[in-house]
C-alpha cells in the first residue's frame, strides 16, 4: 500500500492485551475524537494478503441511550 504523507493525520502505536480468549487494544483518543466514536460503536478490521491492516468505523453506529 502506498501512502501519501499529506494524507496522514495521526500515527501512534498501542499495546495488545491478551487474557485467555480476550484480546483488547486501545484506540488513541485523538482518533476516537476525529472519527466521533463512542461507547458501543462498532469498528471493522480488514486484513489484506500482504499483511496490511485497515481499521475503520462500521457504517452503522450503535444508538446510544
N, C-alpha and C. Protein backbone atom coordinates (compact mmCIF):
# COMPACT_ATOMS: atom_id res chain seq x y z
N UNK A 1 0.85 -1.18 0.00
CA UNK A 1 0.00 0.00 0.00
C UNK A 1 0.89 1.24 0.00
N UNK A 2 0.62 2.13 -0.90
CA UNK A 2 1.39 3.37 -0.99
C UNK A 2 0.62 4.48 -0.28
N UNK A 3 1.32 5.20 0.59
CA UNK A 3 0.70 6.29 1.34
C UNK A 3 1.29 7.63 0.94
N UNK A 4 0.43 8.62 0.84
CA UNK A 4 0.87 9.99 0.63
C UNK A 4 0.96 10.63 2.02
N UNK A 5 2.13 11.10 2.40
CA UNK A 5 2.32 11.67 3.73
C UNK A 5 1.37 12.82 4.03
N UNK A 6 0.91 13.53 3.00
CA UNK A 6 -0.03 14.62 3.20
C UNK A 6 -1.40 14.11 3.66
N UNK A 7 -1.69 12.82 3.44
CA UNK A 7 -2.98 12.25 3.83
C UNK A 7 -2.99 11.74 5.26
N UNK A 8 -1.84 11.66 5.91
CA UNK A 8 -1.76 11.12 7.26
C UNK A 8 -2.11 12.19 8.29
N UNK A 9 -3.05 11.85 9.17
CA UNK A 9 -3.48 12.77 10.23
C UNK A 9 -2.81 12.41 11.55
N UNK A 10 -2.69 11.11 11.84
CA UNK A 10 -2.19 10.69 13.15
C UNK A 10 -1.54 9.31 13.02
N UNK A 11 -0.42 9.13 13.69
CA UNK A 11 0.26 7.83 13.78
C UNK A 11 0.59 7.58 15.24
N UNK A 12 0.22 6.40 15.73
CA UNK A 12 0.53 6.06 17.11
C UNK A 12 0.49 4.55 17.25
N UNK A 13 1.36 4.01 18.10
CA UNK A 13 1.33 2.59 18.40
C UNK A 13 0.60 2.37 19.71
N UNK A 14 -0.12 1.24 19.81
CA UNK A 14 -0.77 0.86 21.05
C UNK A 14 -0.37 -0.59 21.38
N UNK A 15 -0.74 -1.03 22.55
CA UNK A 15 -0.38 -2.36 23.01
C UNK A 15 -1.58 -3.29 22.97
N UNK A 16 -1.36 -4.51 22.54
CA UNK A 16 -2.38 -5.54 22.57
C UNK A 16 -2.30 -6.27 23.90
N UNK A 17 -3.45 -6.47 24.55
CA UNK A 17 -3.51 -7.21 25.80
C UNK A 17 -4.29 -8.50 25.56
N UNK A 18 -3.70 -9.64 25.88
CA UNK A 18 -4.36 -10.93 25.70
C UNK A 18 -4.51 -11.57 27.08
N UNK A 19 -5.74 -11.87 27.44
CA UNK A 19 -6.04 -12.56 28.70
C UNK A 19 -7.00 -13.69 28.37
N UNK A 20 -6.49 -14.91 28.35
CA UNK A 20 -7.33 -16.05 27.98
C UNK A 20 -7.80 -15.89 26.54
N UNK A 21 -9.10 -15.95 26.33
CA UNK A 21 -9.65 -15.79 24.98
C UNK A 21 -9.94 -14.33 24.63
N UNK A 22 -9.70 -13.41 25.55
CA UNK A 22 -9.98 -11.99 25.31
C UNK A 22 -8.75 -11.29 24.73
N UNK A 23 -8.98 -10.48 23.74
CA UNK A 23 -7.92 -9.68 23.12
C UNK A 23 -8.40 -8.23 23.08
N UNK A 24 -7.59 -7.33 23.61
CA UNK A 24 -8.01 -5.92 23.68
C UNK A 24 -6.88 -5.01 23.25
N UNK A 25 -7.27 -3.90 22.66
CA UNK A 25 -6.33 -2.84 22.35
C UNK A 25 -7.05 -1.52 22.59
N UNK A 26 -6.29 -0.45 22.69
CA UNK A 26 -6.86 0.88 22.93
C UNK A 26 -6.79 1.70 21.65
N UNK A 27 -7.89 2.35 21.34
CA UNK A 27 -7.90 3.29 20.22
C UNK A 27 -7.49 4.64 20.77
N UNK A 28 -6.44 5.25 20.22
CA UNK A 28 -5.98 6.54 20.74
C UNK A 28 -7.10 7.59 20.75
N UNK A 29 -7.10 8.41 21.80
CA UNK A 29 -8.13 9.43 21.96
C UNK A 29 -8.28 10.36 20.77
N UNK A 30 -7.16 10.77 20.17
CA UNK A 30 -7.24 11.67 19.01
C UNK A 30 -8.03 11.02 17.86
N UNK A 31 -7.84 9.72 17.68
CA UNK A 31 -8.57 9.01 16.62
C UNK A 31 -10.04 8.87 16.98
N UNK A 32 -10.34 8.56 18.24
CA UNK A 32 -11.74 8.48 18.68
C UNK A 32 -12.48 9.79 18.42
N UNK A 33 -11.83 10.89 18.80
CA UNK A 33 -12.46 12.20 18.61
C UNK A 33 -12.64 12.53 17.12
N UNK A 34 -11.62 12.27 16.32
CA UNK A 34 -11.67 12.58 14.89
C UNK A 34 -12.80 11.80 14.21
N UNK A 35 -12.94 10.52 14.57
CA UNK A 35 -13.97 9.67 13.96
C UNK A 35 -15.31 9.76 14.68
N UNK A 36 -15.34 10.51 15.79
CA UNK A 36 -16.56 10.68 16.59
C UNK A 36 -17.11 9.33 17.04
N UNK A 37 -16.20 8.48 17.54
CA UNK A 37 -16.58 7.16 18.04
C UNK A 37 -16.87 7.24 19.53
N UNK A 38 -17.80 6.43 19.98
CA UNK A 38 -18.14 6.39 21.39
C UNK A 38 -18.46 4.97 21.82
N UNK A 39 -18.83 4.84 23.07
CA UNK A 39 -19.15 3.54 23.65
C UNK A 39 -20.21 2.82 22.83
N UNK A 40 -19.94 1.56 22.48
CA UNK A 40 -20.91 0.76 21.73
C UNK A 40 -20.79 0.87 20.23
N UNK A 41 -20.05 1.85 19.71
CA UNK A 41 -19.85 1.95 18.27
C UNK A 41 -19.02 0.76 17.80
N UNK A 42 -19.24 0.33 16.57
CA UNK A 42 -18.54 -0.82 16.03
C UNK A 42 -17.45 -0.37 15.07
N UNK A 43 -16.36 -1.14 15.05
CA UNK A 43 -15.29 -0.88 14.09
C UNK A 43 -15.07 -2.15 13.27
N UNK A 44 -14.56 -1.96 12.06
CA UNK A 44 -14.34 -3.07 11.13
C UNK A 44 -12.84 -3.25 10.93
N UNK A 45 -12.36 -4.49 11.06
CA UNK A 45 -10.97 -4.84 10.85
C UNK A 45 -10.87 -5.60 9.53
N UNK A 46 -10.02 -5.14 8.62
CA UNK A 46 -9.82 -5.81 7.33
C UNK A 46 -8.33 -6.10 7.17
N UNK A 47 -8.00 -7.39 7.01
CA UNK A 47 -6.61 -7.81 6.84
C UNK A 47 -6.42 -8.26 5.40
N UNK A 48 -5.46 -7.63 4.71
CA UNK A 48 -5.16 -7.99 3.33
C UNK A 48 -4.07 -9.05 3.27
N UNK A 49 -3.96 -9.73 2.14
CA UNK A 49 -2.98 -10.81 1.98
C UNK A 49 -1.55 -10.35 2.24
N UNK A 50 -1.25 -9.08 1.97
CA UNK A 50 0.12 -8.58 2.16
C UNK A 50 0.40 -8.19 3.61
N UNK A 51 -0.56 -8.41 4.53
CA UNK A 51 -0.38 -8.07 5.93
C UNK A 51 -0.85 -6.68 6.31
N UNK A 52 -1.32 -5.91 5.34
CA UNK A 52 -1.85 -4.58 5.61
C UNK A 52 -3.16 -4.71 6.39
N UNK A 53 -3.29 -3.93 7.44
CA UNK A 53 -4.49 -3.95 8.26
C UNK A 53 -5.19 -2.61 8.15
N UNK A 54 -6.49 -2.65 7.90
CA UNK A 54 -7.30 -1.44 7.83
C UNK A 54 -8.34 -1.52 8.94
N UNK A 55 -8.43 -0.47 9.74
CA UNK A 55 -9.43 -0.41 10.81
C UNK A 55 -10.27 0.83 10.54
N UNK A 56 -11.57 0.63 10.34
CA UNK A 56 -12.47 1.74 10.01
C UNK A 56 -13.75 1.62 10.84
N UNK A 57 -14.45 2.74 11.02
CA UNK A 57 -15.75 2.65 11.69
C UNK A 57 -16.70 1.82 10.82
N UNK A 58 -17.52 0.97 11.45
CA UNK A 58 -18.56 0.27 10.71
C UNK A 58 -19.57 1.33 10.29
N UNK A 59 -20.25 1.08 9.20
CA UNK A 59 -21.15 2.11 8.67
C UNK A 59 -22.29 2.46 9.62
N UNK A 60 -22.85 1.46 10.28
CA UNK A 60 -23.94 1.76 11.21
C UNK A 60 -23.39 1.90 12.61
N UNK A 61 -23.69 3.02 13.25
CA UNK A 61 -23.29 3.23 14.63
C UNK A 61 -24.42 2.73 15.53
N UNK A 62 -24.01 2.17 16.66
CA UNK A 62 -24.99 1.73 17.65
C UNK A 62 -25.64 2.97 18.26
N UNK A 63 -26.91 2.90 18.44
CA UNK A 63 -27.63 4.03 19.05
C UNK A 63 -27.33 4.10 20.53
N UNK A 64 -26.94 5.27 20.97
CA UNK A 64 -26.67 5.48 22.39
C UNK A 64 -27.93 5.93 23.09
N UNK A 65 -28.15 5.42 24.27
CA UNK A 65 -29.36 5.80 25.04
C UNK A 65 -29.02 6.90 25.99
